[in-house]
Amino acid sequence: MNQGEVYGEVAPPYRRGKSVELAAAEDVTGSVDAGSDVERQVTTEEELPSSISAGQELGEVELFVDGQSVGRSALVAKEGYEEASLWDKA
């Protein structure tokens, strides 16, 4: 996995049609060959904060090679968002 690469996205509260991309905060490497089974498992916070800043941690991505965990990285927001207005919440 590469730092800055997008591995997921989340929808900010009360913001229909909008999403924030989540990128790996750091590189994760593992030994693989042509027959290796490489898998990524992404987990995100179930309840998002009402506002966030770019770079805020909102989840994690874990890298598995042939079923063995070889590392993990925090997932951070590529951009922030402000708290939804009363109009957005209505």
PDB file of N, CA and C in Angstrom:
ATOM      1  N   MET A   1       0.852  -1.168   0.000  1.00  0.00           N
ATOM      2  CA  MET A   1       0.000   0.000   0.000  1.00  0.00           C
ATOM      3  C   MET A   1       0.894   1.225   0.000  1.00  0.00           C
ATOM      4  N   ASN A   2       0.418   2.242  -0.650  1.00  0.00           N
ATOM      5  CA  ASN A   2       1.219   3.454  -0.770  1.00  0.00           C
ATOM      6  C   ASN A   2       0.590   4.612  -0.007  1.00  0.00           C
ATOM      7  N   GLN A   3       1.441   5.364   0.671  1.00  0.00           N
ATOM      8  CA  GLN A   3       0.988   6.557   1.366  1.00  0.00           C
ATOM      9  C   GLN A   3       0.298   7.473   0.372  1.00  0.00           C
ATOM     10  N   GLY A   4      -0.849   8.007   0.756  1.00  0.00           N
ATOM     11  CA  GLY A   4      -1.598   8.932  -0.084  1.00  0.00           C
ATOM     12  C   GLY A   4      -2.569   8.264  -1.041  1.00  0.00           C
ATOM     13  N   GLU A   5      -2.447   6.941  -1.219  1.00  0.00           N
ATOM     14  CA  GLU A   5      -3.374   6.234  -2.106  1.00  0.00           C
ATOM     15  C   GLU A   5      -4.740   6.095  -1.428  1.00  0.00           C
ATOM     16  N   VAL A   6      -5.806   6.290  -2.190  1.00  0.00           N
ATOM     17  CA  VAL A   6      -7.164   6.243  -1.648  1.00  0.00           C
ATOM     18  C   VAL A   6      -7.640   4.796  -1.534  1.00  0.00           C
ATOM     19  N   TYR A   7      -8.140   4.436  -0.339  1.00  0.00           N
ATOM     20  CA  TYR A   7      -8.623   3.080  -0.092  1.00  0.00           C
ATOM     21  C   TYR A   7     -10.084   3.042   0.361  1.00  0.00           C
ATOM     22  N   GLY A   8     -10.744   4.168   0.409  1.00  0.00           N
ATOM     23  CA  GLY A   8     -12.143   4.197   0.794  1.00  0.00           C
ATOM     24  C   GLY A   8     -12.678   5.612   0.773  1.00  0.00           C
ATOM     25  N   GLU A   9     -13.959   5.724   1.100  1.00  0.00           N
ATOM     26  CA  GLU A   9     -14.578   7.038   1.226  1.00  0.00           C
ATOM     27  C   GLU A   9     -15.725   6.942   2.206  1.00  0.00           C
ATOM     28  N   VAL A  10     -16.068   8.072   2.783  1.00  0.00           N
ATOM     29  CA  VAL A  10     -17.165   8.151   3.739  1.00  0.00           C
ATOM     30  C   VAL A  10     -18.062   9.325   3.364  1.00  0.00           C
ATOM     31  N   ALA A  11     -19.306   9.247   3.788  1.00  0.00           N
ATOM     32  CA  ALA A  11     -20.266  10.330   3.544  1.00  0.00           C
ATOM     33  C   ALA A  11     -20.398  11.167   4.811  1.00  0.00           C
ATOM     34  N   PRO A  12     -20.096  12.463   4.732  1.00  0.00           N
ATOM     35  CA  PRO A  12     -20.252  13.324   5.905  1.00  0.00           C
ATOM     36  C   PRO A  12     -21.712  13.353   6.369  1.00  0.00           C
ATOM     37  N   PRO A  13     -21.937  13.494   7.674  1.00  0.00           N
ATOM     38  CA  PRO A  13     -23.311  13.531   8.188  1.00  0.00           C
ATOM     39  C   PRO A  13     -24.138  14.645   7.534  1.00  0.00           C
ATOM     40  N   TYR A  14     -25.348  14.312   7.138  1.00  0.00           N
ATOM     41  CA  TYR A  14     -26.327  15.249   6.565  1.00  0.00           C
ATOM     42  C   TYR A  14     -25.871  15.866   5.245  1.00  0.00           C
ATOM     43  N   ARG A  15     -24.969  15.247   4.539  1.00  0.00           N
ATOM     44  CA  ARG A  15     -24.473  15.785   3.269  1.00  0.00           C
ATOM     45  C   ARG A  15     -24.743  14.784   2.151  1.00  0.00           C
ATOM     46  N   ARG A  16     -25.974  14.726   1.679  1.00  0.00           N
ATOM     47  CA  ARG A  16     -26.333  13.785   0.612  1.00  0.00           C
ATOM     48  C   ARG A  16     -25.532  14.058  -0.653  1.00  0.00           C
ATOM     49  N   GLY A  17     -25.043  13.002  -1.262  1.00  0.00           N
ATOM     50  CA  GLY A  17     -24.313  13.123  -2.515  1.00  0.00           C
ATOM     51  C   GLY A  17     -22.872  13.582  -2.369  1.00  0.00           C
ATOM     52  N   LYS A  18     -22.418  13.821  -1.150  1.00  0.00           N
ATOM     53  CA  LYS A  18     -21.031  14.249  -0.940  1.00  0.00           C
ATOM     54  C   LYS A  18     -20.265  13.119  -0.262  1.00  0.00           C
ATOM     55  N   SER A  19     -18.987  13.047  -0.554  1.00  0.00           N
ATOM     56  CA  SER A  19     -18.148  12.049   0.099  1.00  0.00           C
ATOM     57  C   SER A  19     -16.747  12.611   0.293  1.00  0.00           C
ATOM     58  N   VAL A  20     -16.022  12.005   1.213  1.00  0.00           N
ATOM     59  CA  VAL A  20     -14.652  12.378   1.511  1.00  0.00           C
ATOM     60  C   VAL A  20     -13.791  11.135   1.293  1.00  0.00           C
ATOM     61  N   GLU A  21     -12.749  11.273   0.481  1.00  0.00           N
ATOM     62  CA  GLU A  21     -11.852  10.153   0.221  1.00  0.00           C
ATOM     63  C   GLU A  21     -10.923   9.945   1.412  1.00  0.00           C
ATOM     64  N   LEU A  22     -10.633   8.657   1.673  1.00  0.00           N
ATOM     65  CA  LEU A  22      -9.725   8.279   2.755  1.00  0.00           C
ATOM     66  C   LEU A  22      -8.461   7.687   2.158  1.00  0.00           C
ATOM     67  N   ALA A  23      -7.325   8.222   2.553  1.00  0.00           N
ATOM     68  CA  ALA A  23      -6.036   7.800   2.004  1.00  0.00           C
ATOM     69  C   ALA A  23      -5.155   7.221   3.102  1.00  0.00           C
ATOM     70  N   ALA A  24      -4.271   6.306   2.709  1.00  0.00           N
ATOM     71  CA  ALA A  24      -3.322   5.713   3.649  1.00  0.00           C
ATOM     72  C   ALA A  24      -2.382   6.790   4.178  1.00  0.00           C
ATOM     73  N   ALA A  25      -2.156   6.773   5.485  1.00  0.00           N
ATOM     74  CA  ALA A  25      -1.280   7.756   6.110  1.00  0.00           C
ATOM     75  C   ALA A  25       0.194   7.387   5.941  1.00  0.00           C
ATOM     76  N   GLU A  26       0.471   6.090   5.676  1.00  0.00           N
ATOM     77  CA  GLU A  26       1.855   5.654   5.508  1.00  0.00           C
ATOM     78  C   GLU A  26       1.934   4.455   4.570  1.00  0.00           C
ATOM     79  N   ASP A  27       3.120   4.160   4.097  1.00  0.00           N
ATOM     80  CA  ASP A  27       3.351   3.002   3.248  1.00  0.00           C
ATOM     81  C   ASP A  27       3.303   1.728   4.087  1.00  0.00           C
ATOM     82  N   VAL A  28       2.824   0.636   3.483  1.00  0.00           N
ATOM     83  CA  VAL A  28       2.884  -0.697   4.083  1.00  0.00           C
ATOM     84  C   VAL A  28       3.403  -1.628   2.999  1.00  0.00           C
ATOM     85  N   THR A  29       4.446  -2.378   3.313  1.00  0.00           N
ATOM     86  CA  THR A  29       5.028  -3.276   2.323  1.00  0.00           C
ATOM     87  C   THR A  29       5.020  -4.705   2.828  1.00  0.00           C
ATOM     88  N   GLY A  30       5.022  -5.627   1.897  1.00  0.00           N
ATOM     89  CA  GLY A  30       5.086  -7.047   2.212  1.00  0.00           C
ATOM     90  C   GLY A  30       5.627  -7.802   1.019  1.00  0.00           C
ATOM     91  N   SER A  31       6.217  -8.954   1.265  1.00  0.00           N
ATOM     92  CA  SER A  31       6.766  -9.778   0.190  1.00  0.00           C
ATOM     93  C   SER A  31       5.645 -10.537  -0.508  1.00  0.00           C
ATOM     94  N   VAL A  32       5.610 -10.420  -1.827  1.00  0.00           N
ATOM     95  CA  VAL A  32       4.605 -11.127  -2.617  1.00  0.00           C
ATOM     96  C   VAL A  32       5.285 -11.730  -3.840  1.00  0.00           C
ATOM     97  N   ASP A  33       4.668 -12.793  -4.369  1.00  0.00           N
ATOM     98  CA  ASP A  33       5.119 -13.324  -5.649  1.00  0.00           C
ATOM     99  C   ASP A  33       3.894 -13.438  -6.551  1.00  0.00           C
ATOM    100  N   ALA A  34       4.079 -13.938  -7.747  1.00  0.00           N
ATOM    101  CA  ALA A  34       2.995 -13.976  -8.732  1.00  0.00           C
ATOM    102  C   ALA A  34       1.780 -14.747  -8.238  1.00  0.00           C
ATOM    103  N   GLY A  35       1.963 -15.736  -7.366  1.00  0.00           N
ATOM    104  CA  GLY A  35       0.838 -16.544  -6.886  1.00  0.00           C
ATOM    105  C   GLY A  35       0.263 -16.080  -5.561  1.00  0.00           C
ATOM    106  N   SER A  36       0.769 -14.983  -5.004  1.00  0.00           N
ATOM    107  CA  SER A  36       0.300 -14.511  -3.701  1.00  0.00           C
ATOM    108  C   SER A  36      -1.116 -13.962  -3.779  1.00  0.00           C
ATOM    109  N   ASP A  37      -1.868 -14.212  -2.726  1.00  0.00           N
ATOM    110  CA  ASP A  37      -3.208 -13.659  -2.583  1.00  0.00           C
ATOM    111  C   ASP A  37      -3.086 -12.403  -1.722  1.00  0.00           C
ATOM    112  N   VAL A  38      -3.305 -11.240  -2.321  1.00  0.00           N
ATOM    113  CA  VAL A  38      -3.169  -9.968  -1.620  1.00  0.00           C
ATOM    114  C   VAL A  38      -4.559  -9.405  -1.370  1.00  0.00           C
ATOM    115  N   GLU A  39      -4.815  -9.029  -0.124  1.00  0.00           N
ATOM    116  CA  GLU A  39      -6.130  -8.529   0.262  1.00  0.00           C
ATOM    117  C   GLU A  39      -5.960  -7.287   1.138  1.00  0.00           C
ATOM    118  N   ARG A  40      -6.893  -6.363   1.018  1.00  0.00           N
ATOM    119  CA  ARG A  40      -6.897  -5.178   1.873  1.00  0.00           C
ATOM    120  C   ARG A  40      -8.220  -5.147   2.624  1.00  0.00           C
ATOM    121  N   GLN A  41      -8.153  -4.920   3.911  1.00  0.00           N
ATOM    122  CA  GLN A  41      -9.362  -4.827   4.724  1.00  0.00           C
ATOM    123  C   GLN A  41      -9.466  -3.407   5.267  1.00  0.00           C
ATOM    124  N   VAL A  42     -10.547  -2.725   4.898  1.00  0.00           N
ATOM    125  CA  VAL A  42     -10.758  -1.334   5.296  1.00  0.00           C
ATOM    126  C   VAL A  42     -11.827  -1.278   6.382  1.00  0.00           C
ATOM    127  N   THR A  43     -11.537  -0.553   7.445  1.00  0.00           N
ATOM    128  CA  THR A  43     -12.535  -0.283   8.479  1.00  0.00           C
ATOM    129  C   THR A  43     -12.593   1.227   8.676  1.00  0.00           C
ATOM    130  N   THR A  44     -13.802   1.740   8.850  1.00  0.00           N
ATOM    131  CA  THR A  44     -13.982   3.172   9.081  1.00  0.00           C
ATOM    132  C   THR A  44     -14.811   3.371  10.338  1.00  0.00           C
ATOM    133  N   GLU A  45     -14.734   4.567  10.876  1.00  0.00           N
ATOM    134  CA  GLU A  45     -15.534   4.901  12.051  1.00  0.00           C
ATOM    135  C   GLU A  45     -17.011   4.766  11.701  1.00  0.00           C
ATOM    136  N   GLU A  46     -17.773   4.181  12.608  1.00  0.00           N
ATOM    137  CA  GLU A  46     -19.205   4.004  12.340  1.00  0.00           C
ATOM    138  C   GLU A  46     -19.957   5.319  12.407  1.00  0.00           C
ATOM    139  N   GLU A  47     -19.585   6.166  13.345  1.00  0.00           N
ATOM    140  CA  GLU A  47     -20.248   7.465  13.473  1.00  0.00           C
ATOM    141  C   GLU A  47     -19.214   8.559  13.268  1.00  0.00           C
ATOM    142  N   LEU A  48     -19.402   9.319  12.207  1.00  0.00           N
ATOM    143  CA  LEU A  48     -18.433  10.357  11.876  1.00  0.00           C
ATOM    144  C   LEU A  48     -18.678  11.620  12.685  1.00  0.00           C
ATOM    145  N   PRO A  49     -17.609  12.374  12.967  1.00  0.00           N
ATOM    146  CA  PRO A  49     -17.768  13.652  13.648  1.00  0.00           C
ATOM    147  C   PRO A  49     -18.545  14.639  12.770  1.00  0.00           C
ATOM    148  N   SER A  50     -19.124  15.655  13.386  1.00  0.00           N
ATOM    149  CA  SER A  50     -19.907  16.633  12.636  1.00  0.00           C
ATOM    150  C   SER A  50     -19.034  17.488  11.725  1.00  0.00           C
ATOM    151  N   SER A  51     -17.739  17.644  12.067  1.00  0.00           N
ATOM    152  CA  SER A  51     -16.802  18.355  11.198  1.00  0.00           C
ATOM    153  C   SER A  51     -15.425  17.720  11.377  1.00  0.00           C
ATOM    154  N   ILE A  52     -14.611  17.807  10.334  1.00  0.00           N
ATOM    155  CA  ILE A  52     -13.258  17.260  10.398  1.00  0.00           C
ATOM    156  C   ILE A  52     -12.300  18.160   9.630  1.00  0.00           C
ATOM    157  N   SER A  53     -11.017  17.940   9.845  1.00  0.00           N
ATOM    158  CA  SER A  53      -9.969  18.636   9.095  1.00  0.00           C
ATOM    159  C   SER A  53      -9.298  17.644   8.158  1.00  0.00           C
ATOM    160  N   ALA A  54      -8.715  18.151   7.099  1.00  0.00           N
ATOM    161  CA  ALA A  54      -7.924  17.300   6.218  1.00  0.00           C
ATOM    162  C   ALA A  54      -6.825  16.656   7.053  1.00  0.00           C
ATOM    163  N   GLY A  55      -6.588  15.368   6.835  1.00  0.00           N
ATOM    164  CA  GLY A  55      -5.563  14.650   7.575  1.00  0.00           C
ATOM    165  C   GLY A  55      -6.054  13.978   8.843  1.00  0.00           C
ATOM    166  N   GLN A  56      -7.321  14.201   9.202  1.00  0.00           N
ATOM    167  CA  GLN A  56      -7.862  13.580  10.413  1.00  0.00           C
ATOM    168  C   GLN A  56      -8.091  12.095  10.168  1.00  0.00           C
ATOM    169  N   GLU A  57      -7.718  11.263  11.140  1.00  0.00           N
ATOM    170  CA  GLU A  57      -7.867   9.813  11.029  1.00  0.00           C
ATOM    171  C   GLU A  57      -9.335   9.418  11.165  1.00  0.00           C
ATOM    172  N   LEU A  58      -9.811   8.635  10.185  1.00  0.00           N
ATOM    173  CA  LEU A  58     -11.202   8.189  10.190  1.00  0.00           C
ATOM    174  C   LEU A  58     -11.341   6.682   9.983  1.00  0.00           C
ATOM    175  N   GLY A  59     -10.233   5.971   9.989  1.00  0.00           N
ATOM    176  CA  GLY A  59     -10.304   4.534   9.793  1.00  0.00           C
ATOM    177  C   GLY A  59      -8.926   3.925   9.697  1.00  0.00           C
ATOM    178  N   GLU A  60      -8.913   2.683   9.151  1.00  0.00           N
ATOM    179  CA  GLU A  60      -7.672   1.935   9.043  1.00  0.00           C
ATOM    180  C   GLU A  60      -7.770   0.971   7.866  1.00  0.00           C
ATOM    181  N   VAL A  61      -6.643   0.718   7.228  1.00  0.00           N
ATOM    182  CA  VAL A  61      -6.567  -0.294   6.181  1.00  0.00           C
ATOM    183  C   VAL A  61      -5.460  -1.267   6.592  1.00  0.00           C
ATOM    184  N   GLU A  62      -5.767  -2.568   6.488  1.00  0.00           N
ATOM    185  CA  GLU A  62      -4.801  -3.609   6.841  1.00  0.00           C
ATOM    186  C   GLU A  62      -4.501  -4.431   5.600  1.00  0.00           C
ATOM    187  N   LEU A  63      -3.233  -4.758   5.387  1.00  0.00           N
ATOM    188  CA  LEU A  63      -2.788  -5.518   4.225  1.00  0.00           C
ATOM    189  C   LEU A  63      -2.510  -6.962   4.638  1.00  0.00           C
ATOM    190  N   PHE A  64      -3.092  -7.907   3.890  1.00  0.00           N
ATOM    191  CA  PHE A  64      -2.883  -9.330   4.114  1.00  0.00           C
ATOM    192  C   PHE A  64      -2.241  -9.934   2.878  1.00  0.00           C
ATOM    193  N   VAL A  65      -1.241 -10.765   3.068  1.00  0.00           N
ATOM    194  CA  VAL A  65      -0.630 -11.530   1.991  1.00  0.00           C
ATOM    195  C   VAL A  65      -0.766 -13.000   2.362  1.00  0.00           C
ATOM    196  N   ASP A  66      -1.449 -13.745   1.502  1.00  0.00           N
ATOM    197  CA  ASP A  66      -1.721 -15.167   1.746  1.00  0.00           C
ATOM    198  C   ASP A  66      -2.330 -15.389   3.133  1.00  0.00           C
ATOM    199  N   GLY A  67      -3.258 -14.506   3.510  1.00  0.00           N
ATOM    200  CA  GLY A  67      -3.987 -14.647   4.767  1.00  0.00           C
ATOM    201  C   GLY A  67      -3.269 -14.137   6.000  1.00  0.00           C
ATOM    202  N   GLN A  68      -2.037 -13.705   5.861  1.00  0.00           N
ATOM    203  CA  GLN A  68      -1.254 -13.199   6.989  1.00  0.00           C
ATOM    204  C   GLN A  68      -1.186 -11.672   6.947  1.00  0.00           C
ATOM    205  N   SER A  69      -1.463 -11.047   8.069  1.00  0.00           N
ATOM    206  CA  SER A  69      -1.361  -9.588   8.145  1.00  0.00           C
ATOM    207  C   SER A  69       0.108  -9.182   8.063  1.00  0.00           C
ATOM    208  N   VAL A  70       0.410  -8.244   7.142  1.00  0.00           N
ATOM    209  CA  VAL A  70       1.782  -7.762   7.006  1.00  0.00           C
ATOM    210  C   VAL A  70       1.926  -6.310   7.437  1.00  0.00           C
ATOM    211  N   GLY A  71       0.820  -5.670   7.784  1.00  0.00           N
ATOM    212  CA  GLY A  71       0.887  -4.296   8.261  1.00  0.00           C
ATOM    213  C   GLY A  71      -0.424  -3.572   8.100  1.00  0.00           C
ATOM    214  N   ARG A  72      -0.474  -2.409   8.686  1.00  0.00           N
ATOM    215  CA  ARG A  72      -1.678  -1.579   8.615  1.00  0.00           C
ATOM    216  C   ARG A  72      -1.297  -0.111   8.614  1.00  0.00           C
ATOM    217  N   SER A  73      -2.230   0.685   8.160  1.00  0.00           N
ATOM    218  CA  SER A  73      -2.035   2.135   8.126  1.00  0.00           C
ATOM    219  C   SER A  73      -3.340   2.812   8.497  1.00  0.00           C
ATOM    220  N   ALA A  74      -3.218   3.940   9.161  1.00  0.00           N
ATOM    221  CA  ALA A  74      -4.394   4.766   9.412  1.00  0.00           C
ATOM    222  C   ALA A  74      -4.905   5.288   8.071  1.00  0.00           C
ATOM    223  N   LEU A  75      -6.204   5.489   7.984  1.00  0.00           N
ATOM    224  CA  LEU A  75      -6.811   6.155   6.833  1.00  0.00           C
ATOM    225  C   LEU A  75      -7.192   7.555   7.271  1.00  0.00           C
ATOM    226  N   VAL A  76      -6.748   8.535   6.504  1.00  0.00           N
ATOM    227  CA  VAL A  76      -6.995   9.929   6.859  1.00  0.00           C
ATOM    228  C   VAL A  76      -7.795  10.619   5.761  1.00  0.00           C
ATOM    229  N   ALA A  77      -8.561  11.616   6.165  1.00  0.00           N
ATOM    230  CA  ALA A  77      -9.389  12.378   5.225  1.00  0.00           C
ATOM    231  C   ALA A  77      -8.501  13.211   4.311  1.00  0.00           C
ATOM    232  N   LYS A  78      -8.753  13.128   3.003  1.00  0.00           N
ATOM    233  CA  LYS A  78      -7.979  13.929   2.048  1.00  0.00           C
ATOM    234  C   LYS A  78      -8.402  15.393   2.102  1.00  0.00           C
ATOM    235  N   GLU A  79      -9.645  15.635   2.526  1.00  0.00           N
ATOM    236  CA  GLU A  79     -10.125  17.008   2.689  1.00  0.00           C
ATOM    237  C   GLU A  79     -11.065  17.047   3.881  1.00  0.00           C
ATOM    238  N   GLY A  80     -11.229  18.221   4.453  1.00  0.00           N
ATOM    239  CA  GLY A  80     -12.100  18.374   5.608  1.00  0.00           C
ATOM    240  C   GLY A  80     -13.502  18.794   5.210  1.00  0.00           C
ATOM    241  N   TYR A  81     -14.361  18.863   6.196  1.00  0.00           N
ATOM    242  CA  TYR A  81     -15.710  19.393   5.992  1.00  0.00           C
ATOM    243  C   TYR A  81     -16.181  20.058   7.278  1.00  0.00           C
ATOM    244  N   GLU A  82     -17.055  21.037   7.103  1.00  0.00           N
ATOM    245  CA  GLU A  82     -17.624  21.774   8.230  1.00  0.00           C
ATOM    246  C   GLU A  82     -18.909  21.099   8.693  1.00  0.00           C
ATOM    247  N   GLU A  83     -19.360  21.444   9.877  1.00  0.00           N
ATOM    248  CA  GLU A  83     -20.628  20.926  10.382  1.00  0.00           C
ATOM    249  C   GLU A  83     -21.759  21.360   9.447  1.00  0.00           C
ATOM    250  N   ALA A  84     -22.694  20.454   9.214  1.00  0.00           N
ATOM    251  CA  ALA A  84     -23.834  20.739   8.331  1.00  0.00           C
ATOM    252  C   ALA A  84     -24.672  21.876   8.934  1.00  0.00           C
ATOM    253  N   SER A  85     -25.213  22.705   8.061  1.00  0.00           N
ATOM    254  CA  SER A  85     -26.089  23.784   8.490  1.00  0.00           C
ATOM    255  C   SER A  85     -27.454  23.231   8.875  1.00  0.00           C
ATOM    256  N   LEU A  86     -28.261  24.052   9.496  1.00  0.00           N
ATOM    257  CA  LEU A  86     -29.633  23.630   9.828  1.00  0.00           C
ATOM    258  C   LEU A  86     -30.400  23.272   8.558  1.00  0.00           C
ATOM    259  N   TRP A  87     -30.130  23.998   7.488  1.00  0.00           N
ATOM    260  CA  TRP A  87     -30.786  23.724   6.205  1.00  0.00           C
ATOM    261  C   TRP A  87     -30.423  22.316   5.705  1.00  0.00           C
ATOM    262  N   ASP A  88     -29.132  21.964   5.808  1.00  0.00           N
ATOM    263  CA  ASP A  88     -28.686  20.631   5.383  1.00  0.00           C
ATOM    264  C   ASP A  88     -29.324  19.543   6.241  1.00  0.00           C
ATOM    265  N   LYS A  89     -29.505  19.814   7.530  1.00  0.00           N
ATOM    266  CA  LYS A  89     -30.060  18.810   8.443  1.00  0.00           C
ATOM    267  C   LYS A  89     -31.548  18.612   8.258  1.00  0.00           C
ATOM    268  N   ALA A  90     -32.227  19.619   7.688  1.00  0.00           N
ATOM    269  CA  ALA A  90     -33.678  19.544   7.554  1.00  0.00           C
ATOM    270  C   ALA A  90     -34.142  18.637   6.439  1.00  0.00           C
TER     271      ALA A  90
END
